[in-house]
Structures are given as C-alpha cells and as structure tokens.
Amino acid sequence: MYKGLSLSFQGNGGSNWQGGITEESRLIRESLKYRTWRKAVYERDNYACVWCGNKGYLNADHIKPFKLYPELRFNLNNGRTLCIDCHKKTDTYGGRAIYAAKT
C-alpha cells in the first residue's frame, strides 16, 4: 500500500476516484511483460538509436502503433530503439497515426 496518502484519500474515498477504471494501455505499459519487451528492444539495438546512433535518452518505439495493433505490442520485430529527437520525427509519435486514422 502507498504510504504517502491517508486512507481517506485512497480508493473510493479519494476525490479523484472514478470507479476503479484505469486505462488499459497504462496497465500494460506498467507491466513486467512490457518492461521485458522494452529491455529486449534496447539490448537488441545495443542501447543506441537505430537512426542516429545516439546512446542517451532512449525510447522503445513501436513501429506499428501500440493502440492500433494490440497483437504486435510485445513482438520484438515491432520495436526499435530511438532517441527522443528521432522518436519525435516518426509518423506515430504522440498518437499521430491514431489521429490520422480517424480523419
């Protein structure tokens, strides 16, 4: 149990309680399976951006979007290591692919 908040602020007693819903993607991204996938992507790519070779501030990027391709979320071949600057240049960064698919 988290000890930073009194019991009156936790669970259904808290002012931000929304009925016990947590976004599925958040639950997945905080899971051991997801952390293991990320580590495998980094290790395969030698902890370096596959586009520019930068070795600092890396992201494990899903080539096919996380939300649109749930069957590929943990597929190592659907991941690549990118630095933050290169990641921002992708067509999928920040949900761009999802917004494009809706229009």
N, C-alpha and C. Protein backbone atom coordinates (compact mmCIF):
# COMPACT_ATOMS: atom_id res chain seq x y z
N MET A 1 0.85 -1.19 0.00
CA MET A 1 0.00 0.00 0.00
C MET A 1 0.89 1.24 0.00
N TYR A 2 0.46 2.25 -0.75
CA TYR A 2 1.18 3.51 -0.81
C TYR A 2 0.99 4.24 0.51
N LYS A 3 2.09 4.65 1.14
CA LYS A 3 2.02 5.23 2.47
C LYS A 3 1.99 6.75 2.47
N GLY A 4 2.04 7.37 1.29
CA GLY A 4 2.10 8.82 1.22
C GLY A 4 0.75 9.51 1.44
N LEU A 5 -0.33 8.79 1.29
CA LEU A 5 -1.65 9.38 1.43
C LEU A 5 -2.41 8.70 2.56
N SER A 6 -3.21 9.46 3.25
CA SER A 6 -4.04 8.84 4.29
C SER A 6 -5.12 8.00 3.60
N LEU A 7 -5.69 7.09 4.33
CA LEU A 7 -6.71 6.20 3.77
C LEU A 7 -7.90 6.97 3.22
N SER A 8 -8.17 8.15 3.76
CA SER A 8 -9.33 8.92 3.30
C SER A 8 -9.15 9.44 1.87
N PHE A 9 -7.90 9.43 1.37
CA PHE A 9 -7.64 9.90 0.01
C PHE A 9 -7.43 8.76 -0.98
N GLN A 10 -7.44 7.54 -0.51
CA GLN A 10 -7.19 6.39 -1.37
C GLN A 10 -8.49 5.71 -1.75
N GLY A 11 -8.46 5.02 -2.90
CA GLY A 11 -9.61 4.24 -3.34
C GLY A 11 -10.86 5.07 -3.51
N ASN A 12 -12.01 4.48 -3.19
CA ASN A 12 -13.27 5.18 -3.44
C ASN A 12 -13.51 6.34 -2.48
N GLY A 13 -12.60 6.54 -1.52
CA GLY A 13 -12.72 7.70 -0.64
C GLY A 13 -12.01 8.92 -1.19
N GLY A 14 -11.24 8.74 -2.24
CA GLY A 14 -10.47 9.85 -2.82
C GLY A 14 -11.30 10.71 -3.74
N SER A 15 -10.94 11.97 -3.83
CA SER A 15 -11.71 12.90 -4.66
C SER A 15 -11.56 12.62 -6.16
N ASN A 16 -10.51 11.93 -6.57
CA ASN A 16 -10.31 11.62 -7.99
C ASN A 16 -10.79 10.22 -8.38
N TRP A 17 -11.43 9.51 -7.47
CA TRP A 17 -11.90 8.16 -7.72
C TRP A 17 -12.92 8.16 -8.85
N GLN A 18 -12.71 7.26 -9.83
CA GLN A 18 -13.61 7.19 -10.98
C GLN A 18 -14.16 5.78 -11.16
N GLY A 19 -14.38 5.11 -10.05
CA GLY A 19 -15.00 3.80 -10.13
C GLY A 19 -14.03 2.66 -10.38
N GLY A 20 -12.75 2.86 -10.17
CA GLY A 20 -11.79 1.79 -10.32
C GLY A 20 -11.33 1.55 -11.75
N ILE A 21 -11.53 2.54 -12.61
CA ILE A 21 -11.09 2.38 -14.00
C ILE A 21 -9.64 2.85 -14.13
N THR A 22 -8.86 2.11 -14.84
CA THR A 22 -7.51 2.52 -15.20
C THR A 22 -7.37 2.18 -16.67
N GLU A 23 -6.83 3.10 -17.43
CA GLU A 23 -6.66 2.89 -18.85
C GLU A 23 -5.89 1.60 -19.11
N GLU A 24 -6.39 0.80 -20.03
CA GLU A 24 -5.74 -0.47 -20.36
C GLU A 24 -4.29 -0.24 -20.78
N SER A 25 -4.05 0.76 -21.61
CA SER A 25 -2.69 0.99 -22.08
C SER A 25 -1.74 1.32 -20.94
N ARG A 26 -2.21 2.03 -19.94
CA ARG A 26 -1.36 2.35 -18.78
C ARG A 26 -1.03 1.09 -18.00
N LEU A 27 -2.02 0.24 -17.80
CA LEU A 27 -1.78 -1.01 -17.09
C LEU A 27 -0.76 -1.87 -17.83
N ILE A 28 -0.87 -1.92 -19.14
CA ILE A 28 0.07 -2.70 -19.94
C ILE A 28 1.46 -2.10 -19.87
N ARG A 29 1.56 -0.78 -20.04
CA ARG A 29 2.87 -0.13 -20.06
C ARG A 29 3.58 -0.18 -18.70
N GLU A 30 2.85 -0.45 -17.64
CA GLU A 30 3.45 -0.58 -16.31
C GLU A 30 3.70 -2.05 -15.93
N SER A 31 3.42 -2.95 -16.86
CA SER A 31 3.53 -4.38 -16.56
C SER A 31 4.96 -4.89 -16.73
N LEU A 32 5.24 -6.02 -16.11
CA LEU A 32 6.54 -6.67 -16.25
C LEU A 32 6.76 -7.11 -17.69
N LYS A 33 5.72 -7.59 -18.33
CA LYS A 33 5.83 -8.05 -19.72
C LYS A 33 6.28 -6.91 -20.63
N TYR A 34 5.73 -5.71 -20.41
CA TYR A 34 6.11 -4.55 -21.23
C TYR A 34 7.55 -4.12 -20.93
N ARG A 35 7.93 -4.10 -19.65
CA ARG A 35 9.30 -3.73 -19.29
C ARG A 35 10.30 -4.72 -19.88
N THR A 36 9.92 -5.99 -19.91
CA THR A 36 10.78 -7.01 -20.51
C THR A 36 10.92 -6.79 -22.00
N TRP A 37 9.84 -6.44 -22.68
CA TRP A 37 9.87 -6.14 -24.12
C TRP A 37 10.79 -4.96 -24.40
N ARG A 38 10.64 -3.89 -23.62
CA ARG A 38 11.48 -2.70 -23.81
C ARG A 38 12.96 -3.04 -23.66
N LYS A 39 13.27 -3.78 -22.61
CA LYS A 39 14.66 -4.16 -22.36
C LYS A 39 15.21 -4.99 -23.52
N ALA A 40 14.41 -5.91 -24.03
CA ALA A 40 14.84 -6.75 -25.16
C ALA A 40 15.10 -5.90 -26.41
N VAL A 41 14.26 -4.89 -26.64
CA VAL A 41 14.46 -3.99 -27.78
C VAL A 41 15.77 -3.23 -27.61
N TYR A 42 15.99 -2.65 -26.43
CA TYR A 42 17.24 -1.92 -26.16
C TYR A 42 18.47 -2.81 -26.32
N GLU A 43 18.40 -4.02 -25.77
CA GLU A 43 19.54 -4.92 -25.86
C GLU A 43 19.83 -5.31 -27.30
N ARG A 44 18.79 -5.62 -28.07
CA ARG A 44 18.98 -5.99 -29.47
C ARG A 44 19.66 -4.87 -30.25
N ASP A 45 19.28 -3.61 -29.92
CA ASP A 45 19.81 -2.44 -30.63
C ASP A 45 21.05 -1.85 -29.95
N ASN A 46 21.63 -2.60 -29.01
CA ASN A 46 22.85 -2.18 -28.31
C ASN A 46 22.70 -0.83 -27.62
N TYR A 47 21.52 -0.57 -27.08
CA TYR A 47 21.26 0.66 -26.34
C TYR A 47 21.68 1.91 -27.12
N ALA A 48 21.34 1.92 -28.41
CA ALA A 48 21.65 3.07 -29.26
C ALA A 48 20.50 3.30 -30.23
N CYS A 49 20.26 4.55 -30.56
CA CYS A 49 19.22 4.91 -31.53
C CYS A 49 19.57 4.27 -32.88
N VAL A 50 18.61 3.57 -33.46
CA VAL A 50 18.87 2.89 -34.73
C VAL A 50 18.93 3.86 -35.90
N TRP A 51 18.49 5.09 -35.72
CA TRP A 51 18.55 6.08 -36.79
C TRP A 51 19.82 6.92 -36.73
N CYS A 52 20.21 7.39 -35.56
CA CYS A 52 21.35 8.32 -35.48
C CYS A 52 22.51 7.81 -34.63
N GLY A 53 22.30 6.73 -33.89
CA GLY A 53 23.36 6.16 -33.06
C GLY A 53 23.50 6.76 -31.68
N ASN A 54 22.69 7.76 -31.35
CA ASN A 54 22.73 8.39 -30.03
C ASN A 54 22.50 7.34 -28.95
N LYS A 55 23.20 7.47 -27.83
CA LYS A 55 23.06 6.49 -26.75
C LYS A 55 22.42 7.08 -25.50
N GLY A 56 21.90 8.28 -25.55
CA GLY A 56 21.28 8.88 -24.37
C GLY A 56 19.80 9.14 -24.57
N TYR A 57 19.03 9.06 -23.51
CA TYR A 57 17.59 9.35 -23.51
C TYR A 57 16.87 8.59 -24.62
N LEU A 58 16.78 7.30 -24.44
CA LEU A 58 16.22 6.42 -25.46
C LEU A 58 14.78 6.06 -25.19
N ASN A 59 14.05 5.76 -26.27
CA ASN A 59 12.68 5.26 -26.20
C ASN A 59 12.59 3.97 -26.99
N ALA A 60 11.81 3.02 -26.50
CA ALA A 60 11.48 1.83 -27.27
C ALA A 60 10.22 2.18 -28.05
N ASP A 61 10.36 2.31 -29.36
CA ASP A 61 9.27 2.76 -30.22
C ASP A 61 8.59 1.56 -30.87
N HIS A 62 7.26 1.60 -30.90
CA HIS A 62 6.50 0.60 -31.66
C HIS A 62 6.43 1.08 -33.11
N ILE A 63 6.88 0.27 -34.04
CA ILE A 63 6.86 0.63 -35.46
C ILE A 63 5.41 0.73 -35.93
N LYS A 64 4.63 -0.31 -35.64
CA LYS A 64 3.19 -0.25 -35.88
C LYS A 64 2.57 0.14 -34.55
N PRO A 65 1.70 1.14 -34.53
CA PRO A 65 1.21 1.75 -33.29
C PRO A 65 0.65 0.77 -32.26
N PHE A 66 1.03 1.02 -31.02
CA PHE A 66 0.61 0.26 -29.85
C PHE A 66 -0.91 0.09 -29.81
N LYS A 67 -1.63 1.16 -30.02
CA LYS A 67 -3.09 1.13 -29.90
C LYS A 67 -3.77 0.44 -31.08
N LEU A 68 -3.25 0.61 -32.27
CA LEU A 68 -3.89 0.06 -33.46
C LEU A 68 -3.55 -1.40 -33.72
N TYR A 69 -2.45 -1.88 -33.16
CA TYR A 69 -2.01 -3.26 -33.39
C TYR A 69 -1.74 -3.96 -32.06
N PRO A 70 -2.77 -4.25 -31.28
CA PRO A 70 -2.56 -4.87 -29.97
C PRO A 70 -1.87 -6.23 -30.06
N GLU A 71 -2.04 -6.93 -31.18
CA GLU A 71 -1.40 -8.24 -31.33
C GLU A 71 0.11 -8.13 -31.50
N LEU A 72 0.62 -6.92 -31.79
CA LEU A 72 2.06 -6.72 -32.01
C LEU A 72 2.74 -5.99 -30.86
N ARG A 73 2.03 -5.73 -29.79
CA ARG A 73 2.58 -4.93 -28.69
C ARG A 73 3.85 -5.51 -28.10
N PHE A 74 3.97 -6.82 -28.04
CA PHE A 74 5.14 -7.44 -27.42
C PHE A 74 5.99 -8.19 -28.43
N ASN A 75 5.78 -7.91 -29.71
CA ASN A 75 6.58 -8.52 -30.77
C ASN A 75 7.88 -7.73 -30.90
N LEU A 76 8.99 -8.40 -30.69
CA LEU A 76 10.29 -7.73 -30.75
C LEU A 76 10.54 -7.08 -32.11
N ASN A 77 10.02 -7.68 -33.18
CA ASN A 77 10.22 -7.13 -34.52
C ASN A 77 9.40 -5.86 -34.76
N ASN A 78 8.48 -5.56 -33.87
CA ASN A 78 7.70 -4.32 -33.97
C ASN A 78 8.27 -3.23 -33.08
N GLY A 79 9.47 -3.40 -32.61
CA GLY A 79 10.10 -2.40 -31.76
C GLY A 79 11.42 -1.94 -32.32
N ARG A 80 11.79 -0.73 -31.98
CA ARG A 80 13.10 -0.19 -32.34
C ARG A 80 13.49 0.84 -31.30
N THR A 81 14.77 0.99 -31.10
CA THR A 81 15.29 1.96 -30.14
C THR A 81 15.53 3.27 -30.86
N LEU A 82 14.93 4.34 -30.35
CA LEU A 82 15.11 5.67 -30.91
C LEU A 82 15.43 6.65 -29.79
N CYS A 83 16.27 7.63 -30.09
CA CYS A 83 16.48 8.72 -29.14
C CYS A 83 15.23 9.60 -29.19
N ILE A 84 15.08 10.46 -28.26
CA ILE A 84 13.87 11.29 -28.18
C ILE A 84 13.70 12.14 -29.44
N ASP A 85 14.80 12.76 -29.92
CA ASP A 85 14.69 13.60 -31.12
C ASP A 85 14.23 12.82 -32.34
N CYS A 86 14.79 11.63 -32.54
CA CYS A 86 14.38 10.80 -33.68
C CYS A 86 12.96 10.27 -33.49
N HIS A 87 12.60 9.92 -32.26
CA HIS A 87 11.26 9.43 -31.98
C HIS A 87 10.21 10.48 -32.35
N LYS A 88 10.49 11.73 -32.06
CA LYS A 88 9.56 12.81 -32.37
C LYS A 88 9.35 12.99 -33.87
N LYS A 89 10.26 12.47 -34.69
CA LYS A 89 10.16 12.60 -36.14
C LYS A 89 9.33 11.48 -36.78
N THR A 90 8.95 10.48 -36.00
CA THR A 90 8.19 9.35 -36.56
C THR A 90 6.74 9.75 -36.84
N ASP A 91 6.12 8.98 -37.72
CA ASP A 91 4.71 9.22 -38.06
C ASP A 91 3.77 8.80 -36.94
N THR A 92 4.29 8.06 -35.97
CA THR A 92 3.44 7.52 -34.91
C THR A 92 3.62 8.22 -33.57
N TYR A 93 4.56 9.14 -33.47
CA TYR A 93 4.85 9.79 -32.18
C TYR A 93 3.64 10.56 -31.66
N GLY A 94 3.35 10.40 -30.39
CA GLY A 94 2.27 11.16 -29.74
C GLY A 94 0.90 10.86 -30.26
N GLY A 95 0.70 9.69 -30.86
CA GLY A 95 -0.61 9.33 -31.36
C GLY A 95 -0.94 9.86 -32.74
N ARG A 96 0.06 10.35 -33.46
CA ARG A 96 -0.21 10.89 -34.81
C ARG A 96 -0.92 9.89 -35.71
N ALA A 97 -0.52 8.64 -35.68
CA ALA A 97 -1.13 7.63 -36.54
C ALA A 97 -2.58 7.41 -36.17
N ILE A 98 -2.89 7.48 -34.89
CA ILE A 98 -4.27 7.27 -34.44
C ILE A 98 -5.14 8.43 -34.89
N TYR A 99 -4.64 9.65 -34.76
CA TYR A 99 -5.41 10.81 -35.20
C TYR A 99 -5.58 10.80 -36.71
N ALA A 100 -4.56 10.37 -37.44
CA ALA A 100 -4.63 10.30 -38.90
C ALA A 100 -5.65 9.24 -39.33
N ALA A 101 -5.70 8.14 -38.60
CA ALA A 101 -6.63 7.06 -38.93
C ALA A 101 -8.08 7.49 -38.73
N LYS A 102 -8.30 8.41 -37.82
CA LYS A 102 -9.67 8.88 -37.53
C LYS A 102 -10.17 9.88 -38.55
N THR A 103 -9.27 10.50 -39.30
CA THR A 103 -9.71 11.52 -40.25
C THR A 103 -9.84 10.99 -41.65
